[in-house]
């Protein structure tokens, strides 16, 4: 019984050493996957197609920026029927809401945070 345990233990230890040494060897090898991938792309690349894709991407980015800016535009209430003073009050309220010490419930004690 003791000899079979010794044989089993030594076999497991030897197997672990072999697996660890093989994993170390494979990690030290240079990466060789997808060698032909870039050469396939370089051979099939159409410069006009790439320029068109880049142009469309640039236009999409510019349209997204324009849309974002138009949602936050300052119209002073002229397009919505507000007076200038109402628009000013609205903007002052937005500024106060974004201010760290702005409106809201005040805490009486700092330990209640």
PDB file of N, CA and C in Angstrom:
ATOM      1  N   UNK A   1       0.817  -1.185   0.000  1.00  0.00           N
ATOM      2  CA  UNK A   1       0.000   0.000   0.000  1.00  0.00           C
ATOM      3  C   UNK A   1       0.859   1.247   0.000  1.00  0.00           C
ATOM      4  N   UNK A   2       1.900   1.258   0.837  1.00  0.00           N
ATOM      5  CA  UNK A   2       2.773   2.414   0.924  1.00  0.00           C
ATOM      6  C   UNK A   2       3.530   2.621  -0.375  1.00  0.00           C
ATOM      7  N   UNK A   3       3.955   1.559  -0.996  1.00  0.00           N
ATOM      8  CA  UNK A   3       4.705   1.700  -2.245  1.00  0.00           C
ATOM      9  C   UNK A   3       3.815   2.236  -3.363  1.00  0.00           C
ATOM     10  N   UNK A   4       2.539   1.868  -3.379  1.00  0.00           N
ATOM     11  CA  UNK A   4       1.642   2.388  -4.423  1.00  0.00           C
ATOM     12  C   UNK A   4       1.365   3.876  -4.217  1.00  0.00           C
ATOM     13  N   UNK A   5       1.297   4.316  -2.957  1.00  0.00           N
ATOM     14  CA  UNK A   5       1.108   5.737  -2.661  1.00  0.00           C
ATOM     15  C   UNK A   5       2.335   6.526  -3.091  1.00  0.00           C
ATOM     16  N   UNK A   6       3.520   5.979  -2.835  1.00  0.00           N
ATOM     17  CA  UNK A   6       4.765   6.640  -3.227  1.00  0.00           C
ATOM     18  C   UNK A   6       4.849   6.739  -4.743  1.00  0.00           C
ATOM     19  N   UNK A   7       4.490   5.674  -5.439  1.00  0.00           N
ATOM     20  CA  UNK A   7       4.535   5.672  -6.907  1.00  0.00           C
ATOM     21  C   UNK A   7       3.529   6.674  -7.459  1.00  0.00           C
ATOM     22  N   UNK A   8       2.334   6.700  -6.895  1.00  0.00           N
ATOM     23  CA  UNK A   8       1.300   7.626  -7.355  1.00  0.00           C
ATOM     24  C   UNK A   8       1.713   9.071  -7.109  1.00  0.00           C
ATOM     25  N   UNK A   9       2.255   9.343  -5.927  1.00  0.00           N
ATOM     26  CA  UNK A   9       2.697  10.693  -5.598  1.00  0.00           C
ATOM     27  C   UNK A   9       3.831  11.134  -6.505  1.00  0.00           C
ATOM     28  N   UNK A  10       4.807  10.266  -6.722  1.00  0.00           N
ATOM     29  CA  UNK A  10       5.934  10.634  -7.582  1.00  0.00           C
ATOM     30  C   UNK A  10       5.467  10.840  -9.023  1.00  0.00           C
ATOM     31  N   UNK A  11       4.496  10.056  -9.471  1.00  0.00           N
ATOM     32  CA  UNK A  11       3.961  10.228 -10.825  1.00  0.00           C
ATOM     33  C   UNK A  11       3.251  11.571 -10.959  1.00  0.00           C
ATOM     34  N   UNK A  12       2.475  11.936  -9.958  1.00  0.00           N
ATOM     35  CA  UNK A  12       1.787  13.228  -9.984  1.00  0.00           C
ATOM     36  C   UNK A  12       2.773  14.394  -9.964  1.00  0.00           C
ATOM     37  N   UNK A  13       3.798  14.292  -9.126  1.00  0.00           N
ATOM     38  CA  UNK A  13       4.812  15.350  -9.055  1.00  0.00           C
ATOM     39  C   UNK A  13       5.550  15.462 -10.377  1.00  0.00           C
ATOM     40  N   UNK A  14       5.929  14.334 -10.956  1.00  0.00           N
ATOM     41  CA  UNK A  14       6.629  14.339 -12.241  1.00  0.00           C
ATOM     42  C   UNK A  14       5.737  14.926 -13.337  1.00  0.00           C
ATOM     43  N   UNK A  15       4.459  14.570 -13.337  1.00  0.00           N
ATOM     44  CA  UNK A  15       3.521  15.116 -14.319  1.00  0.00           C
ATOM     45  C   UNK A  15       3.366  16.619 -14.172  1.00  0.00           C
ATOM     46  N   UNK A  16       3.298  17.102 -12.924  1.00  0.00           N
ATOM     47  CA  UNK A  16       3.176  18.539 -12.687  1.00  0.00           C
ATOM     48  C   UNK A  16       4.413  19.277 -13.173  1.00  0.00           C
ATOM     49  N   UNK A  17       5.592  18.709 -12.928  1.00  0.00           N
ATOM     50  CA  UNK A  17       6.841  19.331 -13.383  1.00  0.00           C
ATOM     51  C   UNK A  17       6.879  19.396 -14.903  1.00  0.00           C
ATOM     52  N   UNK A  18       6.464  18.329 -15.569  1.00  0.00           N
ATOM     53  CA  UNK A  18       6.460  18.310 -17.040  1.00  0.00           C
ATOM     54  C   UNK A  18       5.491  19.348 -17.586  1.00  0.00           C
ATOM     55  N   UNK A  19       4.305  19.431 -17.009  1.00  0.00           N
ATOM     56  CA  UNK A  19       3.310  20.403 -17.480  1.00  0.00           C
ATOM     57  C   UNK A  19       3.805  21.824 -17.270  1.00  0.00           C
ATOM     58  N   UNK A  20       4.380  22.119 -16.120  1.00  0.00           N
ATOM     59  CA  UNK A  20       4.896  23.461 -15.862  1.00  0.00           C
ATOM     60  C   UNK A  20       6.046  23.811 -16.792  1.00  0.00           C
ATOM     61  N   UNK A  21       6.921  22.865 -17.061  1.00  0.00           N
ATOM     62  CA  UNK A  21       8.045  23.155 -17.955  1.00  0.00           C
ATOM     63  C   UNK A  21       7.557  23.375 -19.381  1.00  0.00           C
ATOM     64  N   UNK A  22       6.556  22.612 -19.817  1.00  0.00           N
ATOM     65  CA  UNK A  22       6.011  22.813 -21.165  1.00  0.00           C
ATOM     66  C   UNK A  22       5.287  24.148 -21.285  1.00  0.00           C
ATOM     67  N   UNK A  23       4.569  24.539 -20.243  1.00  0.00           N
ATOM     68  CA  UNK A  23       3.872  25.824 -20.311  1.00  0.00           C
ATOM     69  C   UNK A  23       4.870  26.969 -20.334  1.00  0.00           C
ATOM     70  N   UNK A  24       5.985  26.819 -19.626  1.00  0.00           N
ATOM     71  CA  UNK A  24       7.013  27.862 -19.654  1.00  0.00           C
ATOM     72  C   UNK A  24       7.637  27.963 -21.040  1.00  0.00           C
ATOM     73  N   UNK A  25       7.864  26.847 -21.696  1.00  0.00           N
ATOM     74  CA  UNK A  25       8.450  26.847 -23.040  1.00  0.00           C
ATOM     75  C   UNK A  25       7.495  27.491 -24.033  1.00  0.00           C
ATOM     76  N   UNK A  26       6.206  27.188 -23.948  1.00  0.00           N
ATOM     77  CA  UNK A  26       5.252  27.762 -24.902  1.00  0.00           C
ATOM     78  C   UNK A  26       5.063  29.252 -24.676  1.00  0.00           C
ATOM     79  N   UNK A  27       5.191  29.724 -23.437  1.00  0.00           N
ATOM     80  CA  UNK A  27       5.079  31.157 -23.187  1.00  0.00           C
ATOM     81  C   UNK A  27       6.282  31.914 -23.723  1.00  0.00           C
ATOM     82  N   UNK A  28       7.441  31.281 -23.754  1.00  0.00           N
ATOM     83  CA  UNK A  28       8.634  31.979 -24.208  1.00  0.00           C
ATOM     84  C   UNK A  28       8.758  31.995 -25.724  1.00  0.00           C
ATOM     85  N   UNK A  29       7.973  31.174 -26.417  1.00  0.00           N
ATOM     86  CA  UNK A  29       8.017  31.179 -27.880  1.00  0.00           C
ATOM     87  C   UNK A  29       7.355  32.442 -28.411  1.00  0.00           C
ATOM     88  N   UNK A  30       7.849  32.981 -29.519  1.00  0.00           N
ATOM     89  CA  UNK A  30       7.197  34.164 -30.097  1.00  0.00           C
ATOM     90  C   UNK A  30       5.821  33.798 -30.641  1.00  0.00           C
ATOM     91  N   UNK A  31       4.923  34.766 -30.641  1.00  0.00           N
ATOM     92  CA  UNK A  31       3.559  34.537 -31.119  1.00  0.00           C
ATOM     93  C   UNK A  31       3.576  34.384 -32.629  1.00  0.00           C
ATOM     94  N   UNK A  32       3.022  33.285 -33.114  1.00  0.00           N
ATOM     95  CA  UNK A  32       3.071  33.035 -34.547  1.00  0.00           C
ATOM     96  C   UNK A  32       1.683  32.869 -35.150  1.00  0.00           C
ATOM     97  N   UNK A  33       0.643  33.174 -34.422  1.00  0.00           N
ATOM     98  CA  UNK A  33      -0.711  33.010 -34.929  1.00  0.00           C
ATOM     99  C   UNK A  33      -1.066  34.082 -35.945  1.00  0.00           C
ATOM    100  N   UNK A  34      -1.862  33.738 -36.922  1.00  0.00           N
ATOM    101  CA  UNK A  34      -2.360  34.643 -37.952  1.00  0.00           C
ATOM    102  C   UNK A  34      -1.238  35.295 -38.747  1.00  0.00           C
ATOM    103  N   UNK A  35      -0.274  34.536 -39.164  1.00  0.00           N
ATOM    104  CA  UNK A  35       0.838  35.108 -39.926  1.00  0.00           C
ATOM    105  C   UNK A  35       0.370  35.694 -41.248  1.00  0.00           C
ATOM    106  N   UNK A  36      -0.520  35.005 -41.933  1.00  0.00           N
ATOM    107  CA  UNK A  36      -0.945  35.466 -43.246  1.00  0.00           C
ATOM    108  C   UNK A  36      -2.071  36.472 -43.209  1.00  0.00           C
ATOM    109  N   UNK A  37      -2.548  36.846 -42.038  1.00  0.00           N
ATOM    110  CA  UNK A  37      -3.700  37.728 -41.939  1.00  0.00           C
ATOM    111  C   UNK A  37      -3.398  39.107 -42.513  1.00  0.00           C
ATOM    112  N   UNK A  38      -2.321  39.720 -42.098  1.00  0.00           N
ATOM    113  CA  UNK A  38      -2.006  41.060 -42.588  1.00  0.00           C
ATOM    114  C   UNK A  38      -1.648  41.053 -44.067  1.00  0.00           C
ATOM    115  N   UNK A  39      -0.967  40.043 -44.526  1.00  0.00           N
ATOM    116  CA  UNK A  39      -0.622  40.025 -45.943  1.00  0.00           C
ATOM    117  C   UNK A  39      -1.868  39.874 -46.795  1.00  0.00           C
ATOM    118  N   UNK A  40      -2.878  39.129 -46.329  1.00  0.00           N
ATOM    119  CA  UNK A  40      -4.130  39.031 -47.071  1.00  0.00           C
ATOM    120  C   UNK A  40      -4.813  40.387 -47.161  1.00  0.00           C
ATOM    121  N   UNK A  41      -4.805  41.140 -46.066  1.00  0.00           N
ATOM    122  CA  UNK A  41      -5.432  42.454 -46.089  1.00  0.00           C
ATOM    123  C   UNK A  41      -4.665  43.423 -46.974  1.00  0.00           C
ATOM    124  N   UNK A  42      -3.356  43.361 -46.933  1.00  0.00           N
ATOM    125  CA  UNK A  42      -2.557  44.278 -47.738  1.00  0.00           C
ATOM    126  C   UNK A  42      -2.747  44.011 -49.223  1.00  0.00           C
ATOM    127  N   UNK A  43      -2.907  42.766 -49.618  1.00  0.00           N
ATOM    128  CA  UNK A  43      -3.088  42.448 -51.031  1.00  0.00           C
ATOM    129  C   UNK A  43      -4.463  42.858 -51.527  1.00  0.00           C
ATOM    130  N   UNK A  44      -5.490  42.739 -50.703  1.00  0.00           N
ATOM    131  CA  UNK A  44      -6.854  43.023 -51.125  1.00  0.00           C
ATOM    132  C   UNK A  44      -7.286  44.450 -50.831  1.00  0.00           C
ATOM    133  N   UNK A  45      -6.458  45.254 -50.210  1.00  0.00           N
ATOM    134  CA  UNK A  45      -6.853  46.596 -49.807  1.00  0.00           C
ATOM    135  C   UNK A  45      -7.056  47.482 -51.027  1.00  0.00           C
ATOM    136  N   UNK A  46      -8.213  48.145 -51.064  1.00  0.00           N
ATOM    137  CA  UNK A  46      -8.529  49.085 -52.131  1.00  0.00           C
ATOM    138  C   UNK A  46      -8.400  50.489 -51.548  1.00  0.00           C
ATOM    139  N   UNK A  47      -7.443  51.284 -52.023  1.00  0.00           N
ATOM    140  CA  UNK A  47      -7.232  52.609 -51.429  1.00  0.00           C
ATOM    141  C   UNK A  47      -8.469  53.500 -51.522  1.00  0.00           C
ATOM    142  N   UNK A  48      -9.209  53.418 -52.623  1.00  0.00           N
ATOM    143  CA  UNK A  48     -10.400  54.257 -52.766  1.00  0.00           C
ATOM    144  C   UNK A  48     -11.476  53.852 -51.759  1.00  0.00           C
ATOM    145  N   UNK A  49     -11.614  52.555 -51.547  1.00  0.00           N
ATOM    146  CA  UNK A  49     -12.591  52.077 -50.574  1.00  0.00           C
ATOM    147  C   UNK A  49     -12.215  52.526 -49.164  1.00  0.00           C
ATOM    148  N   UNK A  50     -10.940  52.437 -48.838  1.00  0.00           N
ATOM    149  CA  UNK A  50     -10.498  52.866 -47.508  1.00  0.00           C
ATOM    150  C   UNK A  50     -10.729  54.358 -47.310  1.00  0.00           C
ATOM    151  N   UNK A  51     -10.460  55.169 -48.343  1.00  0.00           N
ATOM    152  CA  UNK A  51     -10.700  56.610 -48.232  1.00  0.00           C
ATOM    153  C   UNK A  51     -12.189  56.902 -48.065  1.00  0.00           C
ATOM    154  N   UNK A  52     -13.029  56.168 -48.771  1.00  0.00           N
ATOM    155  CA  UNK A  52     -14.472  56.371 -48.639  1.00  0.00           C
ATOM    156  C   UNK A  52     -14.953  56.008 -47.236  1.00  0.00           C
ATOM    157  N   UNK A  53     -14.425  54.921 -46.702  1.00  0.00           N
ATOM    158  CA  UNK A  53     -14.803  54.513 -45.346  1.00  0.00           C
ATOM    159  C   UNK A  53     -14.359  55.558 -44.331  1.00  0.00           C
ATOM    160  N   UNK A  54     -13.142  56.062 -44.485  1.00  0.00           N
ATOM    161  CA  UNK A  54     -12.654  57.087 -43.558  1.00  0.00           C
ATOM    162  C   UNK A  54     -13.464  58.371 -43.677  1.00  0.00           C
ATOM    163  N   UNK A  55     -13.853  58.737 -44.897  1.00  0.00           N
ATOM    164  CA  UNK A  55     -14.661  59.939 -45.094  1.00  0.00           C
ATOM    165  C   UNK A  55     -16.016  59.788 -44.420  1.00  0.00           C
ATOM    166  N   UNK A  56     -16.647  58.640 -44.603  1.00  0.00           N
ATOM    167  CA  UNK A  56     -17.947  58.404 -43.968  1.00  0.00           C
ATOM    168  C   UNK A  56     -17.834  58.419 -42.446  1.00  0.00           C
ATOM    169  N   UNK A  57     -16.764  57.840 -41.937  1.00  0.00           N
ATOM    170  CA  UNK A  57     -16.560  57.834 -40.491  1.00  0.00           C
ATOM    171  C   UNK A  57     -16.404  59.256 -39.961  1.00  0.00           C
ATOM    172  N   UNK A  58     -15.621  60.069 -40.669  1.00  0.00           N
ATOM    173  CA  UNK A  58     -15.445  61.459 -40.258  1.00  0.00           C
ATOM    174  C   UNK A  58     -16.751  62.230 -40.283  1.00  0.00           C
ATOM    175  N   UNK A  59     -17.562  62.019 -41.326  1.00  0.00           N
ATOM    176  CA  UNK A  59     -18.850  62.702 -41.413  1.00  0.00           C
ATOM    177  C   UNK A  59     -19.784  62.262 -40.290  1.00  0.00           C
ATOM    178  N   UNK A  60     -19.755  60.992 -39.971  1.00  0.00           N
ATOM    179  CA  UNK A  60     -20.600  60.485 -38.886  1.00  0.00           C
ATOM    180  C   UNK A  60     -20.201  61.107 -37.553  1.00  0.00           C
ATOM    181  N   UNK A  61     -18.914  61.222 -37.317  1.00  0.00           N
ATOM    182  CA  UNK A  61     -18.440  61.824 -36.067  1.00  0.00           C
ATOM    183  C   UNK A  61     -18.834  63.289 -36.001  1.00  0.00           C
ATOM    184  N   UNK A  62     -18.690  64.009 -37.115  1.00  0.00           N
ATOM    185  CA  UNK A  62     -19.052  65.430 -37.124  1.00  0.00           C
ATOM    186  C   UNK A  62     -20.557  65.609 -36.935  1.00  0.00           C
ATOM    187  N   UNK A  63     -21.373  64.741 -37.549  1.00  0.00           N
ATOM    188  CA  UNK A  63     -22.827  64.830 -37.368  1.00  0.00           C
ATOM    189  C   UNK A  63     -23.208  64.556 -35.917  1.00  0.00           C
ATOM    190  N   UNK A  64     -22.543  63.610 -35.293  1.00  0.00           N
ATOM    191  CA  UNK A  64     -22.840  63.302 -33.890  1.00  0.00           C
ATOM    192  C   UNK A  64     -22.502  64.489 -32.998  1.00  0.00           C
ATOM    193  N   UNK A  65     -21.388  65.157 -33.277  1.00  0.00           N
ATOM    194  CA  UNK A  65     -21.019  66.336 -32.490  1.00  0.00           C
ATOM    195  C   UNK A  65     -22.007  67.467 -32.712  1.00  0.00           C
ATOM    196  N   UNK A  66     -22.454  67.667 -33.955  1.00  0.00           N
ATOM    197  CA  UNK A  66     -23.426  68.721 -34.237  1.00  0.00           C
ATOM    198  C   UNK A  66     -24.743  68.443 -33.525  1.00  0.00           C
ATOM    199  N   UNK A  67     -25.177  67.186 -33.532  1.00  0.00           N
ATOM    200  CA  UNK A  67     -26.423  66.822 -32.869  1.00  0.00           C
ATOM    201  C   UNK A  67     -26.317  67.046 -31.368  1.00  0.00           C
ATOM    202  N   UNK A  68     -25.190  66.687 -30.797  1.00  0.00           N
ATOM    203  CA  UNK A  68     -25.007  66.874 -29.357  1.00  0.00           C
ATOM    204  C   UNK A  68     -25.020  68.353 -29.005  1.00  0.00           C
ATOM    205  N   UNK A  69     -24.370  69.178 -29.812  1.00  0.00           N
ATOM    206  CA  UNK A  69     -24.332  70.607 -29.536  1.00  0.00           C
ATOM    207  C   UNK A  69     -25.688  71.258 -29.772  1.00  0.00           C
ATOM    208  N   UNK A  70     -26.459  70.767 -30.742  1.00  0.00           N
ATOM    209  CA  UNK A  70     -27.744  71.392 -31.023  1.00  0.00           C
ATOM    210  C   UNK A  70     -28.748  71.118 -29.903  1.00  0.00           C
ATOM    211  N   UNK A  71     -28.620  70.009 -29.201  1.00  0.00           N
ATOM    212  CA  UNK A  71     -29.537  69.731 -28.102  1.00  0.00           C
ATOM    213  C   UNK A  71     -29.295  70.687 -26.938  1.00  0.00           C
ATOM    214  N   UNK A  72     -28.098  71.149 -26.781  1.00  0.00           N
ATOM    215  CA  UNK A  72     -27.755  72.007 -25.654  1.00  0.00           C
ATOM    216  C   UNK A  72     -27.610  73.471 -26.077  1.00  0.00           C
ATOM    217  N   UNK A  73     -28.147  73.816 -27.223  1.00  0.00           N
ATOM    218  CA  UNK A  73     -27.952  75.167 -27.750  1.00  0.00           C
ATOM    219  C   UNK A  73     -28.630  76.222 -26.899  1.00  0.00           C
ATOM    220  N   UNK A  74     -28.112  77.420 -26.932  1.00  0.00           N
ATOM    221  CA  UNK A  74     -28.653  78.557 -26.203  1.00  0.00           C
ATOM    222  C   UNK A  74     -29.568  79.318 -27.145  1.00  0.00           C
ATOM    223  N   UNK A  75     -30.871  79.232 -26.926  1.00  0.00           N
ATOM    224  CA  UNK A  75     -31.790  79.924 -27.819  1.00  0.00           C
ATOM    225  C   UNK A  75     -32.477  81.092 -27.132  1.00  0.00           C
ATOM    226  N   UNK A  76     -32.223  81.301 -25.855  1.00  0.00           N
ATOM    227  CA  UNK A  76     -32.802  82.385 -25.063  1.00  0.00           C
ATOM    228  C   UNK A  76     -34.320  82.374 -25.092  1.00  0.00           C
ATOM    229  N   UNK A  77     -34.919  81.239 -25.387  1.00  0.00           N
ATOM    230  CA  UNK A  77     -36.361  81.130 -25.356  1.00  0.00           C
ATOM    231  C   UNK A  77     -37.063  81.635 -26.589  1.00  0.00           C
ATOM    232  N   UNK A  78     -36.334  82.062 -27.590  1.00  0.00           N
ATOM    233  CA  UNK A  78     -36.980  82.634 -28.763  1.00  0.00           C
ATOM    234  C   UNK A  78     -37.738  81.584 -29.560  1.00  0.00           C
ATOM    235  N   UNK A  79     -37.245  80.370 -29.620  1.00  0.00           N
ATOM    236  CA  UNK A  79     -37.920  79.343 -30.403  1.00  0.00           C
ATOM    237  C   UNK A  79     -39.019  78.646 -29.605  1.00  0.00           C
ATOM    238  N   UNK A  80     -39.031  78.797 -28.295  1.00  0.00           N
ATOM    239  CA  UNK A  80     -40.028  78.100 -27.479  1.00  0.00           C
ATOM    240  C   UNK A  80     -41.123  79.025 -26.971  1.00  0.00           C
ATOM    241  N   UNK A  81     -41.038  80.305 -27.246  1.00  0.00           N
ATOM    242  CA  UNK A  81     -42.057  81.225 -26.783  1.00  0.00           C
ATOM    243  C   UNK A  81     -41.790  81.802 -25.402  1.00  0.00           C
ATOM    244  N   UNK A  82     -40.645  81.533 -24.798  1.00  0.00           N
ATOM    245  CA  UNK A  82     -40.309  82.128 -23.509  1.00  0.00           C
ATOM    246  C   UNK A  82     -39.801  83.546 -23.717  1.00  0.00           C
ATOM    247  N   UNK A  83     -39.977  84.346 -22.702  1.00  0.00           N
ATOM    248  CA  UNK A  83     -39.359  85.665 -22.748  1.00  0.00           C
ATOM    249  C   UNK A  83     -37.894  85.532 -22.355  1.00  0.00           C
ATOM    250  N   UNK A  84     -37.146  86.563 -22.582  1.00  0.00           N
ATOM    251  CA  UNK A  84     -35.725  86.546 -22.237  1.00  0.00           C
ATOM    252  C   UNK A  84     -35.503  86.361 -20.750  1.00  0.00           C
ATOM    253  N   UNK A  85     -36.357  86.964 -19.929  1.00  0.00           N
ATOM    254  CA  UNK A  85     -36.184  86.835 -18.477  1.00  0.00           C
ATOM    255  C   UNK A  85     -36.499  85.409 -18.015  1.00  0.00           C
ATOM    256  N   UNK A  86     -37.492  84.764 -18.644  1.00  0.00           N
ATOM    257  CA  UNK A  86     -37.780  83.378 -18.284  1.00  0.00           C
ATOM    258  C   UNK A  86     -36.622  82.461 -18.658  1.00  0.00           C
ATOM    259  N   UNK A  87     -36.027  82.714 -19.818  1.00  0.00           N
ATOM    260  CA  UNK A  87     -34.882  81.904 -20.231  1.00  0.00           C
ATOM    261  C   UNK A  87     -33.703  82.123 -19.291  1.00  0.00           C
ATOM    262  N   UNK A  88     -33.513  83.379 -18.858  1.00  0.00           N
ATOM    263  CA  UNK A  88     -32.418  83.677 -17.935  1.00  0.00           C
ATOM    264  C   UNK A  88     -32.635  82.967 -16.598  1.00  0.00           C
ATOM    265  N   UNK A  89     -33.888  82.976 -16.108  1.00  0.00           N
ATOM    266  CA  UNK A  89     -34.181  82.271 -14.858  1.00  0.00           C
ATOM    267  C   UNK A  89     -33.924  80.768 -15.008  1.00  0.00           C
ATOM    268  N   UNK A  90     -34.313  80.248 -16.159  1.00  0.00           N
ATOM    269  CA  UNK A  90     -34.091  78.826 -16.414  1.00  0.00           C
ATOM    270  C   UNK A  90     -32.601  78.498 -16.404  1.00  0.00           C
ATOM    271  N   UNK A  91     -31.803  79.318 -17.077  1.00  0.00           N
ATOM    272  CA  UNK A  91     -30.359  79.073 -17.122  1.00  0.00           C
ATOM    273  C   UNK A  91     -29.719  79.245 -15.752  1.00  0.00           C
ATOM    274  N   UNK A  92     -30.211  80.218 -14.970  1.00  0.00           N
ATOM    275  CA  UNK A  92     -29.679  80.391 -13.619  1.00  0.00           C
ATOM    276  C   UNK A  92     -30.032  79.183 -12.745  1.00  0.00           C
ATOM    277  N   UNK A  93     -31.226  78.628 -12.942  1.00  0.00           N
ATOM    278  CA  UNK A  93     -31.610  77.426 -12.206  1.00  0.00           C
ATOM    279  C   UNK A  93     -30.742  76.239 -12.570  1.00  0.00           C
ATOM    280  N   UNK A  94     -30.428  76.094 -13.878  1.00  0.00           N
ATOM    281  CA  UNK A  94     -29.532  75.014 -14.299  1.00  0.00           C
ATOM    282  C   UNK A  94     -28.148  75.182 -13.697  1.00  0.00           C
ATOM    283  N   UNK A  95     -27.662  76.426 -13.669  1.00  0.00           N
ATOM    284  CA  UNK A  95     -26.337  76.674 -13.097  1.00  0.00           C
ATOM    285  C   UNK A  95     -26.332  76.366 -11.602  1.00  0.00           C
ATOM    286  N   UNK A  96     -27.415  76.742 -10.904  1.00  0.00           N
ATOM    287  CA  UNK A  96     -27.493  76.472  -9.465  1.00  0.00           C
ATOM    288  C   UNK A  96     -27.590  74.974  -9.193  1.00  0.00           C
ATOM    289  N   UNK A  97     -28.303  74.256 -10.061  1.00  0.00           N
ATOM    290  CA  UNK A  97     -28.438  72.810  -9.864  1.00  0.00           C
ATOM    291  C   UNK A  97     -27.117  72.097 -10.078  1.00  0.00           C
ATOM    292  N   UNK A  98     -26.293  72.617 -10.974  1.00  0.00           N
ATOM    293  CA  UNK A  98     -24.998  71.997 -11.235  1.00  0.00           C
ATOM    294  C   UNK A  98     -23.943  72.405 -10.217  1.00  0.00           C
ATOM    295  N   UNK A  99     -24.203  73.455  -9.451  1.00  0.00           N
ATOM    296  CA  UNK A  99     -23.261  73.929  -8.449  1.00  0.00           C
ATOM    297  C   UNK A  99     -23.272  72.977  -7.258  1.00  0.00           C
ATOM    298  N   UNK A 100     -22.115  72.690  -6.710  1.00  0.00           N
ATOM    299  CA  UNK A 100     -22.000  71.709  -5.626  1.00  0.00           C
ATOM    300  C   UNK A 100     -22.791  72.124  -4.391  1.00  0.00           C
ATOM    301  N   UNK A 101     -22.838  73.400  -4.085  1.00  0.00           N
ATOM    302  CA  UNK A 101     -23.581  73.877  -2.917  1.00  0.00           C
ATOM    303  C   UNK A 101     -24.950  74.382  -3.307  1.00  0.00           C
ATOM    304  N   UNK A 102     -25.481  73.907  -4.405  1.00  0.00           N
ATOM    305  CA  UNK A 102     -26.740  74.388  -4.960  1.00  0.00           C
ATOM    306  C   UNK A 102     -27.950  73.952  -4.160  1.00  0.00           C
ATOM    307  N   UNK A 103     -29.134  74.047  -4.787  1.00  0.00           N
ATOM    308  CA  UNK A 103     -30.371  73.761  -4.060  1.00  0.00           C
ATOM    309  C   UNK A 103     -30.461  72.294  -3.665  1.00  0.00           C
ATOM    310  N   UNK A 104     -31.280  72.062  -2.671  1.00  0.00           N
ATOM    311  CA  UNK A 104     -31.447  70.698  -2.192  1.00  0.00           C
ATOM    312  C   UNK A 104     -31.532  70.679  -0.683  1.00  0.00           C
ATOM    313  N   UNK A 105     -31.737  69.529  -0.115  1.00  0.00           N
ATOM    314  CA  UNK A 105     -31.863  69.411   1.335  1.00  0.00           C
ATOM    315  C   UNK A 105     -30.512  69.654   1.986  1.00  0.00           C
ATOM    316  N   UNK A 106     -30.507  70.501   2.978  1.00  0.00           N
ATOM    317  CA  UNK A 106     -29.271  70.808   3.697  1.00  0.00           C
ATOM    318  C   UNK A 106     -29.117  69.841   4.867  1.00  0.00           C
ATOM    319  N   UNK A 107     -27.940  69.364   5.087  1.00  0.00           N
ATOM    320  CA  UNK A 107     -27.667  68.484   6.218  1.00  0.00           C
ATOM    321  C   UNK A 107     -27.278  69.359   7.414  1.00  0.00           C
ATOM    322  N   UNK A 108     -27.837  69.029   8.554  1.00  0.00           N
ATOM    323  CA  UNK A 108     -27.554  69.834   9.741  1.00  0.00           C
ATOM    324  C   UNK A 108     -26.248  69.438  10.401  1.00  0.00           C
ATOM    325  N   UNK A 109     -25.877  68.176  10.222  1.00  0.00           N
ATOM    326  CA  UNK A 109     -24.674  67.684  10.871  1.00  0.00           C
ATOM    327  C   UNK A 109     -23.840  66.946   9.832  1.00  0.00           C
ATOM    328  N   UNK A 110     -22.543  67.148   9.865  1.00  0.00           N
ATOM    329  CA  UNK A 110     -21.661  66.511   8.889  1.00  0.00           C
ATOM    330  C   UNK A 110     -21.605  64.999   9.088  1.00  0.00           C
ATOM    331  N   UNK A 111     -21.931  64.519  10.277  1.00  0.00           N
ATOM    332  CA  UNK A 111     -21.869  63.080  10.527  1.00  0.00           C
ATOM    333  C   UNK A 111     -23.070  62.336   9.944  1.00  0.00           C
ATOM    334  N   UNK A 112     -24.073  63.044   9.425  1.00  0.00           N
ATOM    335  CA  UNK A 112     -25.245  62.412   8.828  1.00  0.00           C
ATOM    336  C   UNK A 112     -25.004  61.983   7.393  1.00  0.00           C
ATOM    337  N   UNK A 113     -23.858  62.271   6.855  1.00  0.00           N
ATOM    338  CA  UNK A 113     -23.568  61.935   5.458  1.00  0.00           C
ATOM    339  C   UNK A 113     -23.475  60.490   5.275  1.00  0.00           C
TER     340      UNK A 113
END
